Amino acid sequence: MLSKFLKIFLLLSLLLGGATYKVDNANAASIVMWGKTELKLGQIGKATILVDTVLVKLESNGSLTNVRTMKKGEEYRVYSFKSNHGGLFGVGGGSFVQKNEKVKYETPSKSKLALLKELSENPQPETQPNVSSGLEIIPGAPSVFKNCTALKEHYPDGVQKGHPAYATKHDRDKDGWACEPSWR
């Protein structure tokens, strides 16, 4: 009885102007953030600039040409690695950053790579409603959560399939709701 009342109350609240935030669900659900950068297919890592350093081009004769200065705190996607000149991280467009103490190199976690693969293989259709879960989307809340405990800090009632925070790994009973409370 109580659960039926709560469902009706939530539905009426949303229909009568409950605060909902519209997002482009197709876009939000297909983005995997890693620090300040979006993780992309083909990316093997990221380079964080610890001290201002030089972005270089590798010339056909094997020499390096300075392109510009990369500023401390910037992050760059790394798509390749060359062993020339003590190591060069390929950051796209034929540009490289030299491997040294001024650059921190990291590889993405297996869970982030798995999520990116899942999203790329199962993109959300653009005709889908903005919020199919019927629950508000919290501005600034992450769309990827390690577990249900973390998800419930932002969405205590769980989320429905189609919501940016929904992940199949959190939907143990495969009913289309991730991390739902027992009363649902």
N, C-alpha and C. Protein backbone atom coordinates (compact mmCIF):
# COMPACT_ATOMS: atom_id res chain seq x y z
N MET A 1 0.82 -1.18 0.00
CA MET A 1 0.00 0.00 0.00
C MET A 1 0.87 1.26 0.00
N LEU A 2 1.88 1.23 0.88
CA LEU A 2 2.76 2.39 0.98
C LEU A 2 3.52 2.62 -0.33
N SER A 3 4.00 1.53 -0.94
CA SER A 3 4.76 1.69 -2.17
C SER A 3 3.88 2.23 -3.29
N LYS A 4 2.64 1.82 -3.35
CA LYS A 4 1.71 2.32 -4.36
C LYS A 4 1.48 3.82 -4.16
N PHE A 5 1.30 4.23 -2.91
CA PHE A 5 1.11 5.64 -2.60
C PHE A 5 2.33 6.46 -3.01
N LEU A 6 3.53 5.96 -2.70
CA LEU A 6 4.76 6.67 -3.05
C LEU A 6 4.91 6.82 -4.57
N LYS A 7 4.59 5.76 -5.29
CA LYS A 7 4.67 5.83 -6.76
C LYS A 7 3.72 6.89 -7.31
N ILE A 8 2.50 6.90 -6.82
CA ILE A 8 1.51 7.87 -7.28
C ILE A 8 1.96 9.28 -6.92
N PHE A 9 2.46 9.46 -5.69
CA PHE A 9 2.93 10.77 -5.26
C PHE A 9 4.08 11.26 -6.14
N LEU A 10 5.03 10.40 -6.43
CA LEU A 10 6.16 10.78 -7.29
C LEU A 10 5.68 11.16 -8.69
N LEU A 11 4.78 10.37 -9.23
CA LEU A 11 4.27 10.64 -10.57
C LEU A 11 3.54 11.98 -10.60
N LEU A 12 2.68 12.22 -9.62
CA LEU A 12 1.95 13.49 -9.58
C LEU A 12 2.90 14.67 -9.39
N SER A 13 3.91 14.51 -8.56
CA SER A 13 4.88 15.59 -8.35
C SER A 13 5.57 15.97 -9.65
N LEU A 14 5.95 14.95 -10.41
CA LEU A 14 6.62 15.24 -11.68
C LEU A 14 5.67 15.86 -12.69
N LEU A 15 4.44 15.35 -12.74
CA LEU A 15 3.48 15.89 -13.70
C LEU A 15 3.06 17.32 -13.36
N LEU A 16 3.04 17.65 -12.09
CA LEU A 16 2.59 18.98 -11.68
C LEU A 16 3.73 19.99 -11.56
N GLY A 17 4.83 19.69 -12.17
CA GLY A 17 5.91 20.68 -12.22
C GLY A 17 7.06 20.39 -11.28
N GLY A 18 7.25 19.15 -10.90
CA GLY A 18 8.42 18.80 -10.11
C GLY A 18 9.66 19.19 -10.88
N ALA A 19 10.69 19.53 -10.20
CA ALA A 19 11.91 20.00 -10.87
C ALA A 19 12.58 18.85 -11.60
N THR A 20 12.64 18.99 -12.91
CA THR A 20 13.40 18.04 -13.71
C THR A 20 14.37 18.83 -14.57
N TYR A 21 15.47 18.23 -14.85
CA TYR A 21 16.48 18.89 -15.64
C TYR A 21 16.63 18.14 -16.95
N LYS A 22 16.48 18.87 -18.04
CA LYS A 22 16.58 18.24 -19.34
C LYS A 22 18.03 18.17 -19.77
N VAL A 23 18.39 17.03 -20.26
CA VAL A 23 19.71 16.85 -20.84
C VAL A 23 19.54 16.13 -22.15
N ASP A 24 20.51 16.24 -22.99
CA ASP A 24 20.51 15.48 -24.22
C ASP A 24 20.93 14.07 -23.85
N ASN A 25 19.94 13.20 -23.63
CA ASN A 25 20.20 11.85 -23.13
C ASN A 25 21.10 11.06 -24.06
N ALA A 26 20.94 11.22 -25.35
CA ALA A 26 21.79 10.47 -26.28
C ALA A 26 23.24 10.87 -26.11
N ASN A 27 23.47 12.17 -25.90
CA ASN A 27 24.84 12.64 -25.70
C ASN A 27 25.37 12.28 -24.33
N ALA A 28 24.59 12.57 -23.27
CA ALA A 28 25.06 12.35 -21.91
C ALA A 28 25.33 10.87 -21.66
N ALA A 29 24.49 10.00 -22.19
CA ALA A 29 24.66 8.58 -21.93
C ALA A 29 25.83 7.99 -22.71
N SER A 30 26.33 8.69 -23.71
CA SER A 30 27.39 8.11 -24.52
C SER A 30 28.76 8.70 -24.22
N ILE A 31 28.87 9.47 -23.15
CA ILE A 31 30.13 10.09 -22.78
C ILE A 31 30.70 9.41 -21.54
N VAL A 32 31.99 9.07 -21.61
CA VAL A 32 32.68 8.54 -20.45
C VAL A 32 33.79 9.53 -20.12
N MET A 33 33.66 10.18 -18.96
CA MET A 33 34.66 11.17 -18.55
C MET A 33 35.77 10.49 -17.77
N TRP A 34 36.97 10.98 -17.95
CA TRP A 34 38.14 10.49 -17.25
C TRP A 34 38.94 11.71 -16.84
N GLY A 35 38.79 12.12 -15.61
CA GLY A 35 39.39 13.37 -15.17
C GLY A 35 38.70 14.53 -15.87
N LYS A 36 39.48 15.40 -16.51
CA LYS A 36 38.91 16.54 -17.22
C LYS A 36 38.64 16.24 -18.69
N THR A 37 38.98 15.03 -19.14
CA THR A 37 38.83 14.71 -20.57
C THR A 37 37.84 13.58 -20.78
N GLU A 38 37.23 13.60 -21.96
CA GLU A 38 36.33 12.54 -22.37
C GLU A 38 37.15 11.39 -22.94
N LEU A 39 36.89 10.18 -22.48
CA LEU A 39 37.57 9.00 -22.99
C LEU A 39 36.99 8.68 -24.37
N LYS A 40 37.87 8.49 -25.35
CA LYS A 40 37.45 8.23 -26.73
C LYS A 40 37.92 6.85 -27.18
N LEU A 41 37.20 6.28 -28.14
CA LEU A 41 37.64 5.01 -28.74
C LEU A 41 39.00 5.21 -29.39
N GLY A 42 39.89 4.25 -29.22
CA GLY A 42 41.22 4.33 -29.79
C GLY A 42 42.24 4.97 -28.87
N GLN A 43 41.77 5.57 -27.80
CA GLN A 43 42.67 6.21 -26.85
C GLN A 43 43.34 5.14 -25.99
N ILE A 44 44.66 5.24 -25.83
CA ILE A 44 45.38 4.25 -25.03
C ILE A 44 45.76 4.79 -23.65
N GLY A 45 45.64 6.10 -23.47
CA GLY A 45 45.98 6.71 -22.19
C GLY A 45 45.78 8.20 -22.23
N LYS A 46 46.27 8.87 -21.18
CA LYS A 46 46.23 10.32 -21.18
C LYS A 46 47.52 10.84 -20.57
N ALA A 47 47.90 12.02 -21.01
CA ALA A 47 49.09 12.68 -20.52
C ALA A 47 48.65 13.96 -19.80
N THR A 48 49.02 14.07 -18.54
CA THR A 48 48.74 15.27 -17.76
C THR A 48 50.05 16.05 -17.66
N ILE A 49 49.99 17.32 -18.02
CA ILE A 49 51.18 18.16 -18.01
C ILE A 49 51.42 18.66 -16.58
N LEU A 50 52.56 18.30 -16.00
CA LEU A 50 52.90 18.67 -14.62
C LEU A 50 53.65 19.99 -14.56
N VAL A 51 54.44 20.27 -15.58
CA VAL A 51 55.21 21.51 -15.71
C VAL A 51 55.13 21.90 -17.17
N ASP A 52 55.02 23.21 -17.46
CA ASP A 52 54.95 23.63 -18.87
C ASP A 52 56.00 22.88 -19.68
N THR A 53 55.57 22.33 -20.80
CA THR A 53 56.47 21.55 -21.66
C THR A 53 56.09 21.78 -23.11
N VAL A 54 56.89 21.26 -24.02
CA VAL A 54 56.72 21.54 -25.44
C VAL A 54 55.99 20.40 -26.16
N LEU A 55 55.04 20.78 -27.00
CA LEU A 55 54.38 19.86 -27.92
C LEU A 55 55.25 19.84 -29.17
N VAL A 56 55.56 18.65 -29.69
CA VAL A 56 56.48 18.53 -30.82
C VAL A 56 55.87 17.74 -31.97
N LYS A 57 56.45 17.94 -33.14
CA LYS A 57 56.14 17.14 -34.34
C LYS A 57 57.37 16.31 -34.65
N LEU A 58 57.14 15.08 -35.08
CA LEU A 58 58.23 14.19 -35.49
C LEU A 58 58.37 14.33 -37.00
N GLU A 59 59.50 14.86 -37.42
CA GLU A 59 59.75 15.09 -38.85
C GLU A 59 60.14 13.77 -39.53
N SER A 60 60.04 13.74 -40.85
CA SER A 60 60.35 12.53 -41.62
C SER A 60 61.80 12.09 -41.46
N ASN A 61 62.70 13.02 -41.14
CA ASN A 61 64.11 12.66 -40.93
C ASN A 61 64.38 12.21 -39.49
N GLY A 62 63.33 12.16 -38.65
CA GLY A 62 63.47 11.71 -37.28
C GLY A 62 63.71 12.81 -36.27
N SER A 63 63.86 14.04 -36.74
CA SER A 63 64.09 15.16 -35.81
C SER A 63 62.76 15.65 -35.25
N LEU A 64 62.84 16.43 -34.17
CA LEU A 64 61.66 16.99 -33.53
C LEU A 64 61.59 18.49 -33.79
N THR A 65 60.38 18.98 -34.04
CA THR A 65 60.14 20.41 -34.23
C THR A 65 59.13 20.87 -33.19
N ASN A 66 59.43 21.96 -32.50
CA ASN A 66 58.51 22.50 -31.50
C ASN A 66 57.26 23.07 -32.17
N VAL A 67 56.10 22.76 -31.60
CA VAL A 67 54.84 23.26 -32.12
C VAL A 67 54.34 24.41 -31.25
N ARG A 68 54.23 24.14 -29.94
CA ARG A 68 53.77 25.15 -29.00
C ARG A 68 54.04 24.67 -27.58
N THR A 69 53.79 25.52 -26.60
CA THR A 69 53.97 25.15 -25.20
C THR A 69 52.66 24.60 -24.65
N MET A 70 52.76 23.46 -23.99
CA MET A 70 51.61 22.86 -23.30
C MET A 70 51.69 23.33 -21.85
N LYS A 71 50.56 23.79 -21.31
CA LYS A 71 50.54 24.41 -19.98
C LYS A 71 50.29 23.40 -18.87
N LYS A 72 50.84 23.69 -17.72
CA LYS A 72 50.67 22.87 -16.52
C LYS A 72 49.18 22.67 -16.24
N GLY A 73 48.80 21.42 -15.95
CA GLY A 73 47.41 21.09 -15.62
C GLY A 73 46.57 20.61 -16.79
N GLU A 74 47.04 20.84 -18.02
CA GLU A 74 46.28 20.39 -19.18
C GLU A 74 46.38 18.87 -19.31
N GLU A 75 45.30 18.27 -19.83
CA GLU A 75 45.28 16.83 -20.08
C GLU A 75 45.09 16.60 -21.57
N TYR A 76 45.78 15.59 -22.09
CA TYR A 76 45.70 15.26 -23.51
C TYR A 76 45.45 13.77 -23.67
N ARG A 77 44.61 13.42 -24.62
CA ARG A 77 44.40 12.02 -24.95
C ARG A 77 45.65 11.50 -25.65
N VAL A 78 46.05 10.26 -25.33
CA VAL A 78 47.20 9.64 -25.98
C VAL A 78 46.67 8.50 -26.84
N TYR A 79 47.05 8.52 -28.12
CA TYR A 79 46.58 7.51 -29.07
C TYR A 79 47.68 6.56 -29.52
N SER A 80 48.94 6.93 -29.28
CA SER A 80 50.03 6.06 -29.72
C SER A 80 51.28 6.35 -28.88
N PHE A 81 52.25 5.46 -29.01
CA PHE A 81 53.53 5.64 -28.32
C PHE A 81 54.64 5.25 -29.29
N LYS A 82 55.66 6.09 -29.39
CA LYS A 82 56.84 5.79 -30.19
C LYS A 82 58.04 5.80 -29.26
N SER A 83 58.97 4.89 -29.50
CA SER A 83 60.13 4.80 -28.61
C SER A 83 61.26 5.76 -28.99
N ASN A 84 61.11 6.51 -30.07
CA ASN A 84 62.12 7.49 -30.48
C ASN A 84 62.30 8.55 -29.38
N HIS A 85 63.48 9.12 -29.32
CA HIS A 85 63.77 10.26 -28.45
C HIS A 85 63.40 10.01 -26.99
N GLY A 86 63.58 8.79 -26.51
CA GLY A 86 63.29 8.47 -25.11
C GLY A 86 61.82 8.22 -24.83
N GLY A 87 61.00 8.23 -25.86
CA GLY A 87 59.57 7.98 -25.72
C GLY A 87 58.75 9.19 -26.11
N LEU A 88 57.80 8.97 -27.01
CA LEU A 88 56.91 10.04 -27.47
C LEU A 88 55.46 9.56 -27.36
N PHE A 89 54.64 10.33 -26.65
CA PHE A 89 53.21 10.03 -26.56
C PHE A 89 52.50 10.77 -27.68
N GLY A 90 51.83 10.02 -28.58
CA GLY A 90 51.10 10.62 -29.69
C GLY A 90 49.77 11.17 -29.22
N VAL A 91 49.59 12.48 -29.33
CA VAL A 91 48.36 13.12 -28.85
C VAL A 91 47.43 13.54 -29.98
N GLY A 92 47.67 13.03 -31.18
CA GLY A 92 46.81 13.31 -32.32
C GLY A 92 47.35 14.42 -33.20
N GLY A 93 46.89 14.44 -34.43
CA GLY A 93 47.30 15.46 -35.38
C GLY A 93 48.78 15.45 -35.70
N GLY A 94 49.43 14.29 -35.52
CA GLY A 94 50.86 14.19 -35.80
C GLY A 94 51.73 14.84 -34.74
N SER A 95 51.12 15.21 -33.61
CA SER A 95 51.87 15.85 -32.53
C SER A 95 52.17 14.87 -31.40
N PHE A 96 53.27 15.16 -30.68
CA PHE A 96 53.73 14.30 -29.62
C PHE A 96 54.18 15.12 -28.43
N VAL A 97 54.17 14.48 -27.26
CA VAL A 97 54.78 15.06 -26.07
C VAL A 97 55.82 14.04 -25.60
N GLN A 98 57.00 14.54 -25.26
CA GLN A 98 58.09 13.65 -24.86
C GLN A 98 57.84 13.08 -23.47
N LYS A 99 58.17 11.80 -23.32
CA LYS A 99 58.08 11.13 -22.03
C LYS A 99 59.20 11.66 -21.14
N ASN A 100 58.80 12.29 -20.02
CA ASN A 100 59.78 12.79 -19.05
C ASN A 100 59.06 13.11 -17.75
N GLU A 101 59.79 13.67 -16.79
CA GLU A 101 59.24 13.97 -15.47
C GLU A 101 58.23 15.12 -15.50
N LYS A 102 58.12 15.83 -16.61
CA LYS A 102 57.16 16.93 -16.74
C LYS A 102 55.76 16.44 -17.14
N VAL A 103 55.67 15.15 -17.48
CA VAL A 103 54.42 14.59 -17.99
C VAL A 103 54.06 13.34 -17.20
N LYS A 104 52.81 13.28 -16.75
CA LYS A 104 52.31 12.08 -16.06
C LYS A 104 51.46 11.31 -17.05
N TYR A 105 51.84 10.06 -17.31
CA TYR A 105 51.09 9.21 -18.24
C TYR A 105 50.27 8.21 -17.45
N GLU A 106 48.99 8.05 -17.83
CA GLU A 106 48.10 7.08 -17.19
C GLU A 106 47.33 6.32 -18.25
N THR A 107 46.95 5.10 -17.91
CA THR A 107 46.08 4.31 -18.79
C THR A 107 44.70 4.23 -18.16
N PRO A 108 43.65 4.13 -18.98
CA PRO A 108 42.30 4.06 -18.42
C PRO A 108 42.05 2.74 -17.70
N SER A 109 41.16 2.77 -16.72
CA SER A 109 40.82 1.56 -15.98
C SER A 109 40.03 0.61 -16.88
N LYS A 110 40.06 -0.65 -16.54
CA LYS A 110 39.31 -1.65 -17.30
C LYS A 110 37.82 -1.34 -17.27
N SER A 111 37.32 -0.84 -16.14
CA SER A 111 35.89 -0.55 -16.04
C SER A 111 35.50 0.61 -16.97
N LYS A 112 36.35 1.64 -17.08
CA LYS A 112 36.05 2.75 -17.99
C LYS A 112 36.10 2.29 -19.44
N LEU A 113 37.08 1.44 -19.77
CA LEU A 113 37.16 0.91 -21.14
C LEU A 113 35.95 0.05 -21.46
N ALA A 114 35.51 -0.76 -20.50
CA ALA A 114 34.33 -1.61 -20.71
C ALA A 114 33.08 -0.76 -20.90
N LEU A 115 32.93 0.29 -20.12
CA LEU A 115 31.79 1.18 -20.25
C LEU A 115 31.80 1.87 -21.61
N LEU A 116 32.96 2.35 -22.03
CA LEU A 116 33.08 3.00 -23.35
C LEU A 116 32.71 2.03 -24.46
N LYS A 117 33.18 0.79 -24.35
CA LYS A 117 32.87 -0.23 -25.36
C LYS A 117 31.36 -0.50 -25.38
N GLU A 118 30.76 -0.65 -24.20
CA GLU A 118 29.32 -0.90 -24.12
C GLU A 118 28.52 0.24 -24.73
N LEU A 119 28.90 1.48 -24.42
CA LEU A 119 28.19 2.63 -24.96
C LEU A 119 28.38 2.76 -26.47
N SER A 120 29.57 2.43 -26.96
CA SER A 120 29.79 2.54 -28.41
C SER A 120 29.06 1.45 -29.17
N GLU A 121 28.88 0.30 -28.55
CA GLU A 121 28.17 -0.81 -29.21
C GLU A 121 26.66 -0.68 -29.08
N ASN A 122 26.18 0.05 -28.07
CA ASN A 122 24.74 0.21 -27.83
C ASN A 122 24.39 1.68 -27.65
N PRO A 123 24.54 2.48 -28.71
CA PRO A 123 24.25 3.92 -28.56
C PRO A 123 22.77 4.14 -28.29
N GLN A 124 22.48 5.20 -27.55
CA GLN A 124 21.09 5.55 -27.25
C GLN A 124 20.48 6.23 -28.48
N PRO A 125 19.27 5.84 -28.87
CA PRO A 125 18.63 6.51 -30.01
C PRO A 125 18.30 7.96 -29.66
N GLU A 126 18.44 8.84 -30.65
CA GLU A 126 18.21 10.26 -30.41
C GLU A 126 16.74 10.59 -30.21
N THR A 127 15.84 9.70 -30.61
CA THR A 127 14.42 9.97 -30.46
C THR A 127 13.91 9.62 -29.07
N GLN A 128 14.77 9.13 -28.22
CA GLN A 128 14.38 8.76 -26.87
C GLN A 128 14.03 10.02 -26.08
N PRO A 129 13.07 9.94 -25.16
CA PRO A 129 12.76 11.11 -24.34
C PRO A 129 13.96 11.53 -23.51
N ASN A 130 14.00 12.80 -23.12
CA ASN A 130 15.13 13.31 -22.37
C ASN A 130 15.37 12.58 -21.07
N VAL A 131 14.32 12.32 -20.31
CA VAL A 131 14.46 11.63 -19.03
C VAL A 131 13.46 10.50 -19.02
N SER A 132 13.89 9.30 -19.37
CA SER A 132 12.96 8.19 -19.44
C SER A 132 12.75 7.52 -18.11
N SER A 133 13.55 7.87 -17.10
CA SER A 133 13.43 7.22 -15.81
C SER A 133 12.31 7.82 -14.96
N GLY A 134 11.87 9.02 -15.28
CA GLY A 134 10.89 9.66 -14.43
C GLY A 134 11.50 10.24 -13.17
N LEU A 135 12.81 10.21 -13.04
CA LEU A 135 13.51 10.77 -11.89
C LEU A 135 14.33 11.95 -12.36
N GLU A 136 14.51 12.92 -11.46
CA GLU A 136 15.28 14.09 -11.87
C GLU A 136 16.74 13.72 -12.10
N ILE A 137 17.37 14.48 -12.95
CA ILE A 137 18.80 14.34 -13.19
C ILE A 137 19.48 15.43 -12.39
N ILE A 138 20.36 15.04 -11.51
CA ILE A 138 21.02 15.98 -10.62
C ILE A 138 22.15 16.69 -11.39
N PRO A 139 22.10 18.01 -11.50
CA PRO A 139 23.18 18.73 -12.18
C PRO A 139 24.50 18.51 -11.45
N GLY A 140 25.53 18.20 -12.20
CA GLY A 140 26.85 17.99 -11.62
C GLY A 140 27.09 16.58 -11.10
N ALA A 141 26.04 15.76 -11.04
CA ALA A 141 26.22 14.38 -10.59
C ALA A 141 26.92 13.60 -11.69
N PRO A 142 27.81 12.69 -11.32
CA PRO A 142 28.47 11.89 -12.36
C PRO A 142 27.46 10.98 -13.05
N SER A 143 27.79 10.51 -14.23
CA SER A 143 26.91 9.56 -14.92
C SER A 143 27.46 8.15 -14.83
N VAL A 144 28.62 7.97 -14.23
CA VAL A 144 29.22 6.65 -14.07
C VAL A 144 29.49 6.45 -12.58
N PHE A 145 29.03 5.31 -12.05
CA PHE A 145 29.20 5.02 -10.64
C PHE A 145 29.85 3.65 -10.47
N LYS A 146 30.73 3.54 -9.48
CA LYS A 146 31.44 2.30 -9.21
C LYS A 146 30.49 1.21 -8.72
N ASN A 147 29.50 1.59 -7.88
CA ASN A 147 28.58 0.61 -7.31
C ASN A 147 27.29 1.32 -6.93
N CYS A 148 26.32 0.53 -6.42
CA CYS A 148 25.01 1.08 -6.05
C CYS A 148 25.11 2.05 -4.87
N THR A 149 26.02 1.80 -3.96
CA THR A 149 26.18 2.71 -2.83
C THR A 149 26.52 4.10 -3.34
N ALA A 150 27.43 4.20 -4.28
CA ALA A 150 27.81 5.50 -4.85
C ALA A 150 26.66 6.11 -5.63
N LEU A 151 25.93 5.31 -6.42
CA LEU A 151 24.81 5.81 -7.20
C LEU A 151 23.72 6.35 -6.29
N LYS A 152 23.43 5.62 -5.19
CA LYS A 152 22.34 6.02 -4.30
C LYS A 152 22.64 7.30 -3.53
N GLU A 153 23.90 7.72 -3.48
CA GLU A 153 24.21 9.01 -2.85
C GLU A 153 23.57 10.15 -3.64
N HIS A 154 23.42 9.96 -4.96
CA HIS A 154 22.81 10.98 -5.81
C HIS A 154 21.37 10.63 -6.18
N TYR A 155 21.08 9.35 -6.36
CA TYR A 155 19.76 8.87 -6.78
C TYR A 155 19.29 7.77 -5.82
N PRO A 156 18.75 8.16 -4.66
CA PRO A 156 18.39 7.18 -3.63
C PRO A 156 17.34 6.17 -4.09
N ASP A 157 16.54 6.51 -5.08
CA ASP A 157 15.51 5.58 -5.56
C ASP A 157 15.97 4.77 -6.76
N GLY A 158 17.24 4.84 -7.10
CA GLY A 158 17.75 4.13 -8.27
C GLY A 158 17.41 4.88 -9.54
N VAL A 159 17.78 4.31 -10.68
CA VAL A 159 17.49 4.93 -11.97
C VAL A 159 17.00 3.87 -12.95
N GLN A 160 16.18 4.32 -13.89
CA GLN A 160 15.62 3.42 -14.89
C GLN A 160 16.48 3.42 -16.14
N LYS A 161 16.39 2.33 -16.89
CA LYS A 161 17.12 2.22 -18.15
C LYS A 161 16.81 3.44 -19.02
N GLY A 162 17.82 4.04 -19.60
CA GLY A 162 17.66 5.26 -20.39
C GLY A 162 18.17 6.48 -19.66
N HIS A 163 18.24 6.40 -18.34
CA HIS A 163 18.80 7.50 -17.53
C HIS A 163 20.32 7.48 -17.72
N PRO A 164 20.98 8.64 -17.77
CA PRO A 164 22.43 8.67 -17.99
C PRO A 164 23.23 7.86 -16.96
N ALA A 165 22.72 7.71 -15.75
CA ALA A 165 23.45 7.00 -14.70
C ALA A 165 23.16 5.49 -14.70
N TYR A 166 22.23 5.03 -15.55
CA TYR A 166 21.90 3.61 -15.59
C TYR A 166 23.05 2.81 -16.19
N ALA A 167 23.36 1.67 -15.55
CA ALA A 167 24.37 0.74 -16.08
C ALA A 167 23.86 -0.68 -15.81
N THR A 168 24.00 -1.54 -16.79
CA THR A 168 23.50 -2.91 -16.64
C THR A 168 24.15 -3.63 -15.47
N LYS A 169 25.38 -3.28 -15.13
CA LYS A 169 26.05 -3.95 -14.01
C LYS A 169 25.35 -3.65 -12.68
N HIS A 170 24.57 -2.57 -12.61
CA HIS A 170 23.85 -2.22 -11.39
C HIS A 170 22.41 -2.75 -11.39
N ASP A 171 22.00 -3.40 -12.46
CA ASP A 171 20.63 -3.92 -12.58
C ASP A 171 20.69 -5.44 -12.44
N ARG A 172 20.83 -5.91 -11.22
CA ARG A 172 21.04 -7.34 -10.98
C ARG A 172 19.87 -8.20 -11.41
N ASP A 173 18.63 -7.71 -11.21
CA ASP A 173 17.47 -8.53 -11.58
C ASP A 173 17.01 -8.28 -13.02
N LYS A 174 17.75 -7.45 -13.74
CA LYS A 174 17.51 -7.18 -15.17
C LYS A 174 16.09 -6.72 -15.46
N ASP A 175 15.54 -5.87 -14.56
CA ASP A 175 14.16 -5.38 -14.76
C ASP A 175 14.11 -3.97 -15.32
N GLY A 176 15.26 -3.42 -15.68
CA GLY A 176 15.29 -2.07 -16.24
C GLY A 176 15.50 -0.99 -15.20
N TRP A 177 15.67 -1.35 -13.94
CA TRP A 177 15.96 -0.40 -12.86
C TRP A 177 17.29 -0.77 -12.23
N ALA A 178 18.16 0.20 -12.08
CA ALA A 178 19.45 -0.02 -11.43
C ALA A 178 19.39 0.52 -10.02
N CYS A 179 19.85 -0.28 -9.08
CA CYS A 179 19.98 0.13 -7.67
C CYS A 179 18.66 0.59 -7.05
N GLU A 180 17.55 -0.04 -7.46
CA GLU A 180 16.26 0.37 -6.90
C GLU A 180 16.14 -0.11 -5.45
N PRO A 181 15.38 0.66 -4.65
CA PRO A 181 15.16 0.24 -3.27
C PRO A 181 14.25 -0.99 -3.22
N SER A 182 14.26 -1.66 -2.10
CA SER A 182 13.48 -2.90 -1.99
C SER A 182 11.98 -2.65 -2.05
N TRP A 183 11.51 -1.44 -1.72
CA TRP A 183 10.05 -1.17 -1.74
C TRP A 183 9.51 -0.98 -3.14
N ARG A 184 10.38 -0.76 -4.13
CA ARG A 184 9.93 -0.50 -5.49
C ARG A 184 9.32 -1.69 -6.13
